[in-house]
Amino acid sequence: MPEQQFGHGGKLYFGSTALTGRPPTGTHFNNNTWTEYKRVRDLTLAGGSVSVDTTTRDEAARGWATSIDVVSNAVLTFEVRWKPNDNFGTPNDAQLDQLLSAWVNRKMLALLHLDQSRTVQGAQGMVGNFSISVEQRAPVQGIFLLGVTATVAEFPDWIQAQDTSGTNFIAID
């Protein structure tokens, strides 16, 4: 039977401050303090590309359209289990406060999404500053949830852990 990696091994980390650059300058993925957010449920990273039309008249006459991918984008979606008394500004959950504050104040939030713990050599995933949108869900048969959509806004990188320190990553270009 082939090896499998279960989804619950994926991790989401919040940066202590927004990123201000890429290594070696500014606050970047190697010199930020990352805190795992454990109240996250399903976590999805969707990547895509923006394309430009390159169709020539000859190609169009033959029934073909052509395009080139010019830039990539990424959207991270996840759910947070809402607890009683999860009021903005209460000491119950610092990361929830960061999420709500980023949304309310239209500020970016440094997020790190990895396929396993950041202390596992070879762990990889997306890092960057993300803009935040939220949706509070109250299903009749279920628990209160906060749906979060985080769209990469600046300093995006796909990174890989180089050792087990949890602070030594390289960008995969």
Protein backbone atom coordinates (compact mmCIF):
# COMPACT_ATOMS: atom_id res chain seq x y z
CA MET A 1 0.00 0.00 0.00
CA PRO A 2 1.47 3.42 -0.93
CA GLU A 3 2.28 5.96 1.75
CA GLN A 4 -0.48 8.45 2.45
CA GLN A 5 -0.43 11.81 4.15
CA PHE A 6 -3.56 12.66 6.08
CA GLY A 7 -5.02 16.15 5.82
CA HIS A 8 -5.03 16.70 9.56
CA GLY A 9 -1.22 16.91 9.35
CA GLY A 10 -1.45 20.23 7.51
CA LYS A 11 -0.70 23.29 9.62
CA LEU A 12 -1.63 26.96 9.60
CA TYR A 13 0.64 29.47 11.33
CA PHE A 14 0.10 33.15 12.07
CA GLY A 15 3.05 35.54 11.91
CA SER A 16 3.64 37.87 14.82
CA THR A 17 3.88 40.74 12.33
CA ALA A 18 3.17 41.33 8.65
CA LEU A 19 6.01 40.54 6.26
CA THR A 20 7.92 43.55 4.93
CA GLY A 21 10.21 41.83 2.45
CA ARG A 22 11.86 38.71 1.17
CA PRO A 23 15.15 37.35 2.50
CA PRO A 24 17.60 38.80 3.25
CA THR A 25 15.84 42.15 3.93
CA GLY A 26 12.88 43.17 6.07
CA THR A 27 10.65 40.92 8.14
CA HIS A 28 10.42 37.69 6.16
CA PHE A 29 9.55 34.04 6.66
CA ASN A 30 12.82 33.17 8.44
CA ASN A 31 12.81 35.98 11.01
CA ASN A 32 9.11 36.16 11.91
CA THR A 33 7.64 34.38 14.95
CA TRP A 34 5.09 31.77 13.79
CA THR A 35 2.30 30.46 16.04
CA GLU A 36 0.22 27.44 15.03
CA TYR A 37 -3.53 28.06 15.00
CA LYS A 38 -5.14 24.89 16.34
CA ARG A 39 -8.83 25.87 16.05
CA VAL A 40 -8.76 25.57 12.27
CA ARG A 41 -10.93 22.96 10.59
CA ASP A 42 -10.74 22.19 6.87
CA LEU A 43 -7.86 24.05 5.22
CA THR A 44 -7.62 24.54 1.44
CA LEU A 45 -4.99 26.29 -0.66
CA ALA A 46 -6.16 27.03 -4.20
CA GLY A 47 -3.61 28.29 -6.68
CA GLY A 48 -4.32 29.65 -10.10
CA SER A 49 -2.95 31.82 -12.84
CA VAL A 50 -3.96 34.94 -14.67
CA SER A 51 -3.63 34.53 -18.42
CA VAL A 52 -3.31 36.93 -21.32
CA ASP A 53 -4.75 36.26 -24.73
CA THR A 54 -2.07 35.66 -27.38
CA THR A 55 -4.37 34.50 -30.17
CA THR A 56 -3.25 35.51 -33.65
CA ARG A 57 -5.64 36.03 -36.54
CA ASP A 58 -4.28 32.86 -38.17
CA GLU A 59 -4.94 30.79 -35.03
CA ALA A 60 -8.44 32.27 -34.69
CA ALA A 61 -9.20 31.52 -38.35
CA ARG A 62 -8.28 27.89 -37.68
CA GLY A 63 -10.60 27.82 -34.63
CA TRP A 64 -7.96 28.07 -31.91
CA ALA A 65 -7.42 30.50 -29.06
CA THR A 66 -4.06 30.69 -27.30
CA SER A 67 -2.97 32.22 -24.01
CA ILE A 68 0.03 32.51 -21.72
CA ASP A 69 -0.06 32.33 -17.93
CA VAL A 70 1.66 35.47 -16.69
CA VAL A 71 1.13 35.63 -12.93
CA SER A 72 0.05 33.21 -10.21
CA ASN A 73 -2.41 33.77 -7.40
CA ALA A 74 -3.34 31.91 -4.24
CA VAL A 75 -6.38 31.77 -1.97
CA LEU A 76 -6.38 30.02 1.39
CA THR A 77 -9.77 29.08 2.86
CA PHE A 78 -10.43 27.60 6.27
CA GLU A 79 -12.98 27.40 9.05
CA VAL A 80 -12.52 28.36 12.69
CA ARG A 81 -14.68 26.77 15.35
CA TRP A 82 -16.55 29.59 17.09
CA LYS A 83 -16.75 29.31 20.87
CA PRO A 84 -19.17 30.96 23.32
CA ASN A 85 -17.93 34.39 24.36
CA ASP A 86 -15.62 34.71 21.33
CA ASN A 87 -16.00 38.45 21.37
CA PHE A 88 -13.56 40.70 19.56
CA GLY A 89 -10.93 41.93 21.99
CA THR A 90 -11.42 39.23 24.62
CA PRO A 91 -8.38 37.23 25.74
CA ASN A 92 -9.93 33.93 24.63
CA ASP A 93 -8.06 33.59 21.34
CA ALA A 94 -5.25 35.85 20.13
CA GLN A 95 -5.34 34.46 16.56
CA LEU A 96 -9.08 35.02 16.28
CA ASP A 97 -8.47 38.62 17.34
CA GLN A 98 -5.76 38.89 14.65
CA LEU A 99 -8.18 37.55 12.02
CA LEU A 100 -11.05 39.84 12.97
CA SER A 101 -8.77 42.85 13.36
CA ALA A 102 -7.21 42.25 9.92
CA TRP A 103 -10.70 42.03 8.39
CA VAL A 104 -12.24 45.00 10.23
CA ASN A 105 -9.24 47.27 9.68
CA ARG A 106 -8.41 46.03 6.16
CA LYS A 107 -4.88 45.06 7.22
CA MET A 108 -2.81 42.20 5.93
CA LEU A 109 -1.96 39.15 8.01
CA ALA A 110 1.20 37.03 7.61
CA LEU A 111 0.16 33.40 7.18
CA LEU A 112 2.18 30.23 6.68
CA HIS A 113 0.41 27.12 5.39
CA LEU A 114 2.47 23.91 5.47
CA ASP A 115 1.78 20.29 4.62
CA GLN A 116 3.18 19.27 8.03
CA SER A 117 4.75 20.83 11.11
CA ARG A 118 7.31 23.57 10.45
CA THR A 119 9.79 21.54 12.54
CA VAL A 120 9.79 18.68 10.01
CA GLN A 121 12.61 18.88 7.48
CA GLY A 122 11.05 19.03 4.02
CA ALA A 123 7.74 20.55 5.16
CA GLN A 124 6.55 22.86 2.41
CA GLY A 125 3.83 25.30 1.58
CA MET A 126 2.72 28.88 0.97
CA VAL A 127 3.75 31.95 2.95
CA GLY A 128 2.90 35.62 2.49
CA ASN A 129 0.76 38.50 3.58
CA PHE A 130 -2.91 37.82 3.01
CA SER A 131 -6.00 40.02 2.93
CA ILE A 132 -8.84 38.58 5.02
CA SER A 133 -12.57 38.13 4.43
CA VAL A 134 -14.84 36.39 6.94
CA GLU A 135 -18.26 34.78 7.01
CA GLN A 136 -19.97 33.70 10.22
CA ARG A 137 -21.98 30.50 9.77
CA ALA A 138 -24.77 29.29 12.04
CA PRO A 139 -26.12 26.04 10.57
CA VAL A 140 -29.32 24.61 12.06
CA GLN A 141 -27.64 21.23 12.54
CA GLY A 142 -24.07 22.06 13.40
CA ILE A 143 -21.79 24.36 15.29
CA PHE A 144 -21.05 28.05 14.83
CA LEU A 145 -18.17 28.52 12.41
CA LEU A 146 -16.20 31.44 11.08
CA GLY A 147 -15.41 30.91 7.40
CA VAL A 148 -12.19 32.67 6.36
CA THR A 149 -10.96 33.49 2.89
CA ALA A 150 -7.36 34.70 2.81
CA THR A 151 -6.11 36.05 -0.53
CA VAL A 152 -2.38 36.44 -1.06
CA ALA A 153 -1.59 40.15 -1.20
CA GLU A 154 2.18 40.53 -1.05
CA PHE A 155 5.51 38.73 -0.54
CA PRO A 156 4.19 35.31 -1.61
CA ASP A 157 6.60 32.40 -1.64
CA TRP A 158 6.43 28.63 -1.82
CA ILE A 159 8.90 27.54 0.85
CA GLN A 160 10.49 24.38 2.23
CA ALA A 161 11.90 23.68 5.70
CA GLN A 162 15.64 23.01 5.53
CA ASP A 163 16.01 21.49 8.99
CA THR A 164 14.03 20.82 12.19
CA SER A 165 14.55 24.28 13.76
CA GLY A 166 11.23 25.60 12.45
CA THR A 167 12.96 28.83 11.39
CA ASN A 168 15.17 27.84 8.44
CA PHE A 169 13.22 27.88 5.16
CA ILE A 170 14.19 28.47 1.55
CA ALA A 171 11.97 29.78 -1.24
CA ILE A 172 11.37 27.31 -4.04
CA ASP A 173 11.55 29.37 -7.24
